[in-house]
Every structure is written in C-alpha cells, then in structure tokens.
Amino acid sequence: MTGVTRGIEEGATETREDGTRVLHYLLRFPQPVENVWKAVATPEGLRAWLAEAEVFEPRLGGEVTLRGLGSGRITAWDVERIAEYTVEGRGRIRFHLEPTRPSGTTVRFTHESPRDEDPGWRRRFEGLMSAP
C-alpha cells in the first residue's frame, strides 16, 4: 500500500507480461451501496466526478461513451455489486461494491490499461468522495 487519503487506499500496481498495467485502489464510503452505485454506474453519477456519459446503456454488453475518455462497452454488470467498463484505448475499469457495517460501502477498484501512465485516479476519487 503506497498511500491512504480520506478513505482512498492505493494498492499495488503491477505490469503483466503483455505490458498491461494494472492499478488497484480500495475506497471506503460512509454511504450505503445504493448511493455509491448511483455514483459509479449512472450517467448522473459519473458526470459528477469522472466524465459526461454521452451514451450509457446500463446492461451487460451495453454501449458507453464517456466524453473525453472514449467509447466502449459494459463488460460486467451486476446491479449494486459490479460495474465494469472497457473503453477503447483506455482499458478496463472495474468497480466491485461490498456493503460494510453499519451502513457503508467498500469499493475494490481495478484499472487495466495498455498505457504506462498515471490516469489521475487519486484526484478523481477525491472528487468522487466529495460528490453529492
């Protein structure tokens, strides 16, 4: 673990044999799963901290276009549990939500990317933590 900031824990970063870079974060929210799900898996929620969802089909295989980030597909979808987006040229981002007691949520976040650069997730997550 390389750093902890207000419920944001940066985990290990690994590089696979094929060059894919994998980033891990653990996010802790005092809000219930339903609220966190809305922030990471709805157009309104994503707009508040990540990007405008110009196209968003909330289902497995659904299309997603995030302004400034690109277009892709929803590659895993289990309502209030897992939202995974694969965006062309940016890789795959996955949010795995787990309820915590008494009414909070832990999110295990993974980003698999063909790029060896910092996509600014810590800054984005700080925005997510303060999003309405």
N, C-alpha and C. Protein backbone atom coordinates (compact mmCIF):
# COMPACT_ATOMS: atom_id res chain seq x y z
N MET A 1 0.84 -1.17 0.00
CA MET A 1 0.00 0.00 0.00
C MET A 1 0.89 1.24 0.00
N THR A 2 0.65 2.13 -0.94
CA THR A 2 1.55 3.27 -1.06
C THR A 2 0.97 4.56 -0.50
N GLY A 3 -0.30 4.59 -0.21
CA GLY A 3 -0.84 5.83 0.34
C GLY A 3 -2.29 5.70 0.74
N VAL A 4 -2.69 6.46 1.78
CA VAL A 4 -4.07 6.47 2.23
C VAL A 4 -4.50 7.93 2.36
N THR A 5 -5.61 8.29 1.76
CA THR A 5 -6.16 9.63 1.85
C THR A 5 -7.67 9.53 2.00
N ARG A 6 -8.21 10.00 3.08
CA ARG A 6 -9.67 10.08 3.30
C ARG A 6 -10.44 8.92 2.70
N GLY A 7 -10.18 7.72 3.09
CA GLY A 7 -10.91 6.57 2.59
C GLY A 7 -10.42 6.04 1.26
N ILE A 8 -9.32 6.57 0.75
CA ILE A 8 -8.75 6.12 -0.52
C ILE A 8 -7.42 5.43 -0.23
N GLU A 9 -7.36 4.14 -0.49
CA GLU A 9 -6.11 3.40 -0.30
C GLU A 9 -5.59 2.95 -1.66
N GLU A 10 -4.39 3.37 -1.98
CA GLU A 10 -3.77 2.97 -3.23
C GLU A 10 -3.09 1.63 -3.01
N GLY A 11 -3.46 0.64 -3.80
CA GLY A 11 -2.88 -0.68 -3.67
C GLY A 11 -1.72 -0.88 -4.62
N ALA A 12 -1.43 -2.12 -4.83
CA ALA A 12 -0.30 -2.50 -5.69
C ALA A 12 -0.57 -2.13 -7.15
N THR A 13 0.51 -1.83 -7.83
CA THR A 13 0.48 -1.64 -9.28
C THR A 13 1.33 -2.76 -9.87
N GLU A 14 0.80 -3.41 -10.88
CA GLU A 14 1.56 -4.50 -11.49
C GLU A 14 1.58 -4.32 -13.00
N THR A 15 2.58 -4.90 -13.62
CA THR A 15 2.66 -4.90 -15.08
C THR A 15 2.71 -6.35 -15.52
N ARG A 16 1.74 -6.74 -16.33
CA ARG A 16 1.67 -8.12 -16.82
C ARG A 16 2.67 -8.33 -17.95
N GLU A 17 2.88 -9.59 -18.29
CA GLU A 17 3.84 -9.94 -19.36
C GLU A 17 3.50 -9.28 -20.69
N ASP A 18 2.20 -9.08 -20.94
CA ASP A 18 1.80 -8.45 -22.21
C ASP A 18 1.91 -6.93 -22.18
N GLY A 19 2.40 -6.37 -21.06
CA GLY A 19 2.58 -4.93 -20.93
C GLY A 19 1.40 -4.21 -20.31
N THR A 20 0.31 -4.92 -20.04
CA THR A 20 -0.85 -4.30 -19.41
C THR A 20 -0.50 -3.86 -18.00
N ARG A 21 -0.83 -2.62 -17.70
CA ARG A 21 -0.59 -2.08 -16.36
C ARG A 21 -1.89 -2.21 -15.56
N VAL A 22 -1.80 -2.75 -14.34
CA VAL A 22 -2.98 -2.97 -13.50
C VAL A 22 -2.83 -2.16 -12.22
N LEU A 23 -3.78 -1.26 -11.98
CA LEU A 23 -3.80 -0.44 -10.77
C LEU A 23 -4.93 -0.91 -9.87
N HIS A 24 -4.70 -0.90 -8.57
CA HIS A 24 -5.72 -1.30 -7.60
C HIS A 24 -5.91 -0.19 -6.58
N TYR A 25 -7.16 0.07 -6.23
CA TYR A 25 -7.50 1.00 -5.16
C TYR A 25 -8.59 0.37 -4.30
N LEU A 26 -8.60 0.75 -3.04
CA LEU A 26 -9.66 0.37 -2.11
C LEU A 26 -10.27 1.68 -1.62
N LEU A 27 -11.58 1.84 -1.84
CA LEU A 27 -12.27 3.07 -1.47
C LEU A 27 -13.30 2.75 -0.40
N ARG A 28 -13.33 3.56 0.65
CA ARG A 28 -14.29 3.34 1.74
C ARG A 28 -15.22 4.55 1.85
N PHE A 29 -16.52 4.27 1.77
CA PHE A 29 -17.54 5.30 1.83
C PHE A 29 -18.44 5.09 3.04
N PRO A 30 -18.88 6.17 3.69
CA PRO A 30 -19.84 6.03 4.78
C PRO A 30 -21.26 5.82 4.25
N GLN A 31 -21.48 6.04 2.96
CA GLN A 31 -22.81 5.92 2.35
C GLN A 31 -23.12 4.46 2.03
N PRO A 32 -24.43 4.14 1.95
CA PRO A 32 -24.84 2.77 1.60
C PRO A 32 -24.54 2.45 0.13
N VAL A 33 -24.54 1.17 -0.18
CA VAL A 33 -24.25 0.68 -1.53
C VAL A 33 -25.10 1.38 -2.59
N GLU A 34 -26.38 1.57 -2.31
CA GLU A 34 -27.28 2.18 -3.31
C GLU A 34 -26.75 3.54 -3.76
N ASN A 35 -26.28 4.34 -2.82
CA ASN A 35 -25.77 5.68 -3.16
C ASN A 35 -24.47 5.61 -3.95
N VAL A 36 -23.57 4.72 -3.53
CA VAL A 36 -22.29 4.60 -4.22
C VAL A 36 -22.51 4.04 -5.62
N TRP A 37 -23.42 3.08 -5.76
CA TRP A 37 -23.76 2.53 -7.07
C TRP A 37 -24.19 3.64 -8.03
N LYS A 38 -25.05 4.53 -7.55
CA LYS A 38 -25.51 5.64 -8.40
C LYS A 38 -24.33 6.50 -8.87
N ALA A 39 -23.31 6.64 -8.03
CA ALA A 39 -22.15 7.48 -8.38
C ALA A 39 -21.25 6.83 -9.43
N VAL A 40 -21.17 5.50 -9.44
CA VAL A 40 -20.24 4.82 -10.36
C VAL A 40 -20.93 4.12 -11.52
N ALA A 41 -22.28 4.07 -11.51
CA ALA A 41 -22.97 3.27 -12.52
C ALA A 41 -24.22 3.94 -13.09
N THR A 42 -24.24 5.28 -13.05
CA THR A 42 -25.33 6.01 -13.70
C THR A 42 -24.72 7.23 -14.41
N PRO A 43 -25.36 7.69 -15.47
CA PRO A 43 -24.84 8.87 -16.17
C PRO A 43 -24.72 10.09 -15.25
N GLU A 44 -25.71 10.30 -14.39
CA GLU A 44 -25.69 11.45 -13.49
C GLU A 44 -24.54 11.35 -12.50
N GLY A 45 -24.35 10.16 -11.96
CA GLY A 45 -23.27 9.96 -11.00
C GLY A 45 -21.90 10.12 -11.63
N LEU A 46 -21.69 9.52 -12.79
CA LEU A 46 -20.40 9.61 -13.47
C LEU A 46 -20.07 11.06 -13.84
N ARG A 47 -21.09 11.81 -14.24
CA ARG A 47 -20.89 13.21 -14.62
C ARG A 47 -20.34 14.02 -13.45
N ALA A 48 -20.73 13.69 -12.23
CA ALA A 48 -20.34 14.46 -11.05
C ALA A 48 -18.85 14.35 -10.71
N TRP A 49 -18.19 13.28 -11.17
CA TRP A 49 -16.79 13.11 -10.75
C TRP A 49 -15.85 12.56 -11.83
N LEU A 50 -16.37 11.96 -12.88
CA LEU A 50 -15.50 11.34 -13.88
C LEU A 50 -15.61 12.00 -15.24
N ALA A 51 -16.76 11.84 -15.88
CA ALA A 51 -16.96 12.39 -17.22
C ALA A 51 -18.44 12.32 -17.58
N GLU A 52 -18.83 13.18 -18.51
CA GLU A 52 -20.18 13.15 -19.05
C GLU A 52 -20.37 11.84 -19.81
N ALA A 53 -21.42 11.10 -19.47
CA ALA A 53 -21.75 9.87 -20.19
C ALA A 53 -22.68 10.25 -21.34
N GLU A 54 -22.12 10.37 -22.53
CA GLU A 54 -22.91 10.76 -23.69
C GLU A 54 -23.82 9.63 -24.14
N VAL A 55 -23.34 8.40 -24.00
CA VAL A 55 -24.14 7.20 -24.26
C VAL A 55 -23.92 6.29 -23.06
N PHE A 56 -25.02 5.73 -22.53
CA PHE A 56 -24.89 4.83 -21.39
C PHE A 56 -26.06 3.85 -21.40
N GLU A 57 -25.78 2.60 -21.75
CA GLU A 57 -26.80 1.55 -21.78
C GLU A 57 -26.52 0.62 -20.60
N PRO A 58 -27.26 0.78 -19.48
CA PRO A 58 -26.96 0.07 -18.24
C PRO A 58 -27.32 -1.42 -18.26
N ARG A 59 -26.49 -2.18 -18.94
CA ARG A 59 -26.68 -3.63 -19.03
C ARG A 59 -25.39 -4.25 -19.55
N LEU A 60 -25.23 -5.53 -19.32
CA LEU A 60 -24.08 -6.26 -19.84
C LEU A 60 -24.06 -6.13 -21.36
N GLY A 61 -22.95 -5.71 -21.91
CA GLY A 61 -22.82 -5.51 -23.35
C GLY A 61 -23.28 -4.16 -23.83
N GLY A 62 -23.85 -3.36 -22.93
CA GLY A 62 -24.34 -2.03 -23.30
C GLY A 62 -23.22 -1.11 -23.73
N GLU A 63 -23.57 -0.16 -24.57
CA GLU A 63 -22.58 0.80 -25.05
C GLU A 63 -22.40 1.91 -24.02
N VAL A 64 -21.17 2.41 -23.94
CA VAL A 64 -20.86 3.54 -23.07
C VAL A 64 -19.88 4.46 -23.79
N THR A 65 -20.18 5.76 -23.75
CA THR A 65 -19.28 6.77 -24.30
C THR A 65 -19.10 7.83 -23.23
N LEU A 66 -17.86 8.00 -22.79
CA LEU A 66 -17.53 8.99 -21.77
C LEU A 66 -16.77 10.13 -22.43
N ARG A 67 -17.34 11.33 -22.36
CA ARG A 67 -16.74 12.50 -23.03
C ARG A 67 -15.29 12.69 -22.60
N GLY A 68 -14.42 12.77 -23.58
CA GLY A 68 -13.00 12.99 -23.32
C GLY A 68 -12.23 11.72 -22.99
N LEU A 69 -12.94 10.62 -22.75
CA LEU A 69 -12.27 9.36 -22.42
C LEU A 69 -12.41 8.32 -23.51
N GLY A 70 -13.54 8.32 -24.20
CA GLY A 70 -13.71 7.37 -25.30
C GLY A 70 -14.98 6.55 -25.19
N SER A 71 -15.09 5.59 -26.10
CA SER A 71 -16.26 4.73 -26.20
C SER A 71 -15.88 3.29 -25.94
N GLY A 72 -16.87 2.53 -25.48
CA GLY A 72 -16.63 1.12 -25.23
C GLY A 72 -17.91 0.40 -24.84
N ARG A 73 -17.74 -0.63 -24.04
CA ARG A 73 -18.86 -1.50 -23.63
C ARG A 73 -18.85 -1.73 -22.13
N ILE A 74 -20.02 -2.06 -21.62
CA ILE A 74 -20.13 -2.53 -20.24
C ILE A 74 -19.83 -4.02 -20.29
N THR A 75 -18.73 -4.42 -19.66
CA THR A 75 -18.24 -5.79 -19.78
C THR A 75 -18.53 -6.64 -18.55
N ALA A 76 -19.06 -6.04 -17.50
CA ALA A 76 -19.59 -6.78 -16.34
C ALA A 76 -20.63 -5.88 -15.69
N TRP A 77 -21.76 -6.46 -15.30
CA TRP A 77 -22.85 -5.67 -14.75
C TRP A 77 -23.67 -6.53 -13.81
N ASP A 78 -23.59 -6.24 -12.54
CA ASP A 78 -24.38 -6.91 -11.51
C ASP A 78 -24.86 -5.79 -10.60
N VAL A 79 -26.12 -5.38 -10.76
CA VAL A 79 -26.65 -4.18 -10.12
C VAL A 79 -26.31 -4.13 -8.63
N GLU A 80 -25.79 -2.97 -8.23
CA GLU A 80 -25.36 -2.66 -6.87
C GLU A 80 -24.22 -3.56 -6.39
N ARG A 81 -23.52 -4.19 -7.32
CA ARG A 81 -22.38 -5.03 -6.95
C ARG A 81 -21.16 -4.80 -7.84
N ILE A 82 -21.32 -4.96 -9.17
CA ILE A 82 -20.17 -4.83 -10.08
C ILE A 82 -20.56 -4.02 -11.32
N ALA A 83 -19.75 -3.01 -11.60
CA ALA A 83 -19.86 -2.25 -12.86
C ALA A 83 -18.46 -2.24 -13.46
N GLU A 84 -18.37 -2.71 -14.70
CA GLU A 84 -17.07 -2.75 -15.38
C GLU A 84 -17.25 -2.20 -16.77
N TYR A 85 -16.36 -1.26 -17.12
CA TYR A 85 -16.40 -0.61 -18.43
C TYR A 85 -15.07 -0.85 -19.14
N THR A 86 -15.14 -1.24 -20.40
CA THR A 86 -13.95 -1.36 -21.23
C THR A 86 -14.04 -0.27 -22.29
N VAL A 87 -13.08 0.65 -22.24
CA VAL A 87 -13.08 1.81 -23.13
C VAL A 87 -11.89 1.70 -24.07
N GLU A 88 -12.18 1.82 -25.37
CA GLU A 88 -11.14 1.68 -26.39
C GLU A 88 -9.94 2.58 -26.12
N GLY A 89 -8.76 1.98 -26.09
CA GLY A 89 -7.53 2.72 -25.89
C GLY A 89 -7.22 3.06 -24.44
N ARG A 90 -8.20 2.89 -23.56
CA ARG A 90 -8.02 3.23 -22.14
C ARG A 90 -8.02 2.01 -21.25
N GLY A 91 -8.49 0.87 -21.78
CA GLY A 91 -8.51 -0.35 -20.99
C GLY A 91 -9.82 -0.58 -20.26
N ARG A 92 -9.72 -1.32 -19.17
CA ARG A 92 -10.90 -1.75 -18.42
C ARG A 92 -10.87 -1.16 -17.02
N ILE A 93 -12.01 -0.60 -16.59
CA ILE A 93 -12.13 -0.14 -15.21
C ILE A 93 -13.26 -0.91 -14.54
N ARG A 94 -13.02 -1.34 -13.32
CA ARG A 94 -13.98 -2.19 -12.61
C ARG A 94 -14.22 -1.66 -11.20
N PHE A 95 -15.49 -1.55 -10.85
CA PHE A 95 -15.91 -1.17 -9.51
C PHE A 95 -16.63 -2.38 -8.90
N HIS A 96 -16.09 -2.90 -7.82
CA HIS A 96 -16.71 -4.03 -7.11
C HIS A 96 -17.15 -3.51 -5.75
N LEU A 97 -18.46 -3.38 -5.55
CA LEU A 97 -19.01 -2.80 -4.33
C LEU A 97 -19.35 -3.88 -3.31
N GLU A 98 -19.01 -3.60 -2.05
CA GLU A 98 -19.32 -4.51 -0.95
C GLU A 98 -19.89 -3.69 0.20
N PRO A 99 -21.06 -4.11 0.75
CA PRO A 99 -21.60 -3.39 1.90
C PRO A 99 -20.71 -3.61 3.12
N THR A 100 -20.59 -2.58 3.95
CA THR A 100 -19.87 -2.69 5.22
C THR A 100 -20.78 -2.19 6.33
N ARG A 101 -20.49 -2.60 7.53
CA ARG A 101 -21.34 -2.21 8.66
C ARG A 101 -20.89 -0.89 9.23
N PRO A 102 -21.80 -0.09 9.75
CA PRO A 102 -23.23 -0.35 9.81
C PRO A 102 -23.95 -0.03 8.51
N SER A 103 -23.51 0.99 7.76
CA SER A 103 -24.23 1.30 6.52
C SER A 103 -23.31 1.84 5.44
N GLY A 104 -22.05 1.48 5.47
CA GLY A 104 -21.09 1.98 4.50
C GLY A 104 -20.89 1.05 3.32
N THR A 105 -19.93 1.41 2.49
CA THR A 105 -19.60 0.64 1.29
C THR A 105 -18.10 0.65 1.07
N THR A 106 -17.56 -0.50 0.71
CA THR A 106 -16.17 -0.60 0.27
C THR A 106 -16.20 -0.89 -1.22
N VAL A 107 -15.37 -0.17 -1.97
CA VAL A 107 -15.26 -0.39 -3.41
C VAL A 107 -13.85 -0.86 -3.71
N ARG A 108 -13.76 -2.01 -4.35
CA ARG A 108 -12.47 -2.52 -4.85
C ARG A 108 -12.40 -2.11 -6.31
N PHE A 109 -11.50 -1.21 -6.60
CA PHE A 109 -11.38 -0.64 -7.95
C PHE A 109 -10.14 -1.20 -8.62
N THR A 110 -10.29 -1.57 -9.89
CA THR A 110 -9.17 -2.05 -10.70
C THR A 110 -9.20 -1.35 -12.05
N HIS A 111 -8.03 -0.93 -12.51
CA HIS A 111 -7.91 -0.37 -13.85
C HIS A 111 -6.81 -1.13 -14.58
N GLU A 112 -7.18 -1.79 -15.66
CA GLU A 112 -6.23 -2.50 -16.52
C GLU A 112 -6.06 -1.65 -17.77
N SER A 113 -4.83 -1.23 -18.04
CA SER A 113 -4.60 -0.30 -19.14
C SER A 113 -3.39 -0.69 -19.98
N PRO A 114 -3.48 -0.47 -21.30
CA PRO A 114 -2.32 -0.71 -22.14
C PRO A 114 -1.29 0.42 -22.02
N ARG A 115 -1.65 1.49 -21.34
CA ARG A 115 -0.77 2.66 -21.21
C ARG A 115 0.00 2.63 -19.90
N ASP A 116 1.23 3.07 -19.96
CA ASP A 116 2.06 3.16 -18.77
C ASP A 116 2.12 4.63 -18.33
N GLU A 117 0.98 5.12 -17.85
CA GLU A 117 0.91 6.50 -17.40
C GLU A 117 -0.07 6.58 -16.23
N ASP A 118 0.03 7.64 -15.46
CA ASP A 118 -0.87 7.85 -14.34
C ASP A 118 -2.14 8.52 -14.84
N PRO A 119 -3.28 7.82 -14.78
CA PRO A 119 -4.52 8.41 -15.26
C PRO A 119 -5.17 9.37 -14.27
N GLY A 120 -4.53 9.63 -13.13
CA GLY A 120 -5.06 10.58 -12.17
C GLY A 120 -6.20 10.07 -11.32
N TRP A 121 -6.21 8.76 -11.05
CA TRP A 121 -7.32 8.19 -10.28
C TRP A 121 -7.45 8.78 -8.89
N ARG A 122 -6.35 9.03 -8.19
CA ARG A 122 -6.47 9.57 -6.83
C ARG A 122 -7.24 10.90 -6.85
N ARG A 123 -6.90 11.78 -7.76
CA ARG A 123 -7.60 13.06 -7.87
C ARG A 123 -9.07 12.84 -8.21
N ARG A 124 -9.33 11.93 -9.12
CA ARG A 124 -10.72 11.64 -9.49
C ARG A 124 -11.50 11.07 -8.30
N PHE A 125 -10.86 10.17 -7.55
CA PHE A 125 -11.54 9.58 -6.39
C PHE A 125 -11.79 10.61 -5.30
N GLU A 126 -10.91 11.59 -5.16
CA GLU A 126 -11.17 12.67 -4.21
C GLU A 126 -12.44 13.42 -4.63
N GLY A 127 -12.62 13.61 -5.94
CA GLY A 127 -13.85 14.21 -6.44
C GLY A 127 -15.05 13.33 -6.19
N LEU A 128 -14.89 12.03 -6.34
CA LEU A 128 -15.97 11.08 -6.07
C LEU A 128 -16.36 11.13 -4.60
N MET A 129 -15.38 11.17 -3.72
CA MET A 129 -15.66 11.20 -2.28
C MET A 129 -16.45 12.45 -1.88
N SER A 130 -16.25 13.54 -2.61
CA SER A 130 -16.95 14.77 -2.25
C SER A 130 -18.17 15.04 -3.14
N ALA A 131 -18.45 14.13 -4.07
CA ALA A 131 -19.62 14.29 -4.96
C ALA A 131 -20.90 14.16 -4.15
N PRO A 132 -21.95 14.87 -4.58
CA PRO A 132 -23.23 14.79 -3.85
C PRO A 132 -23.85 13.42 -3.91
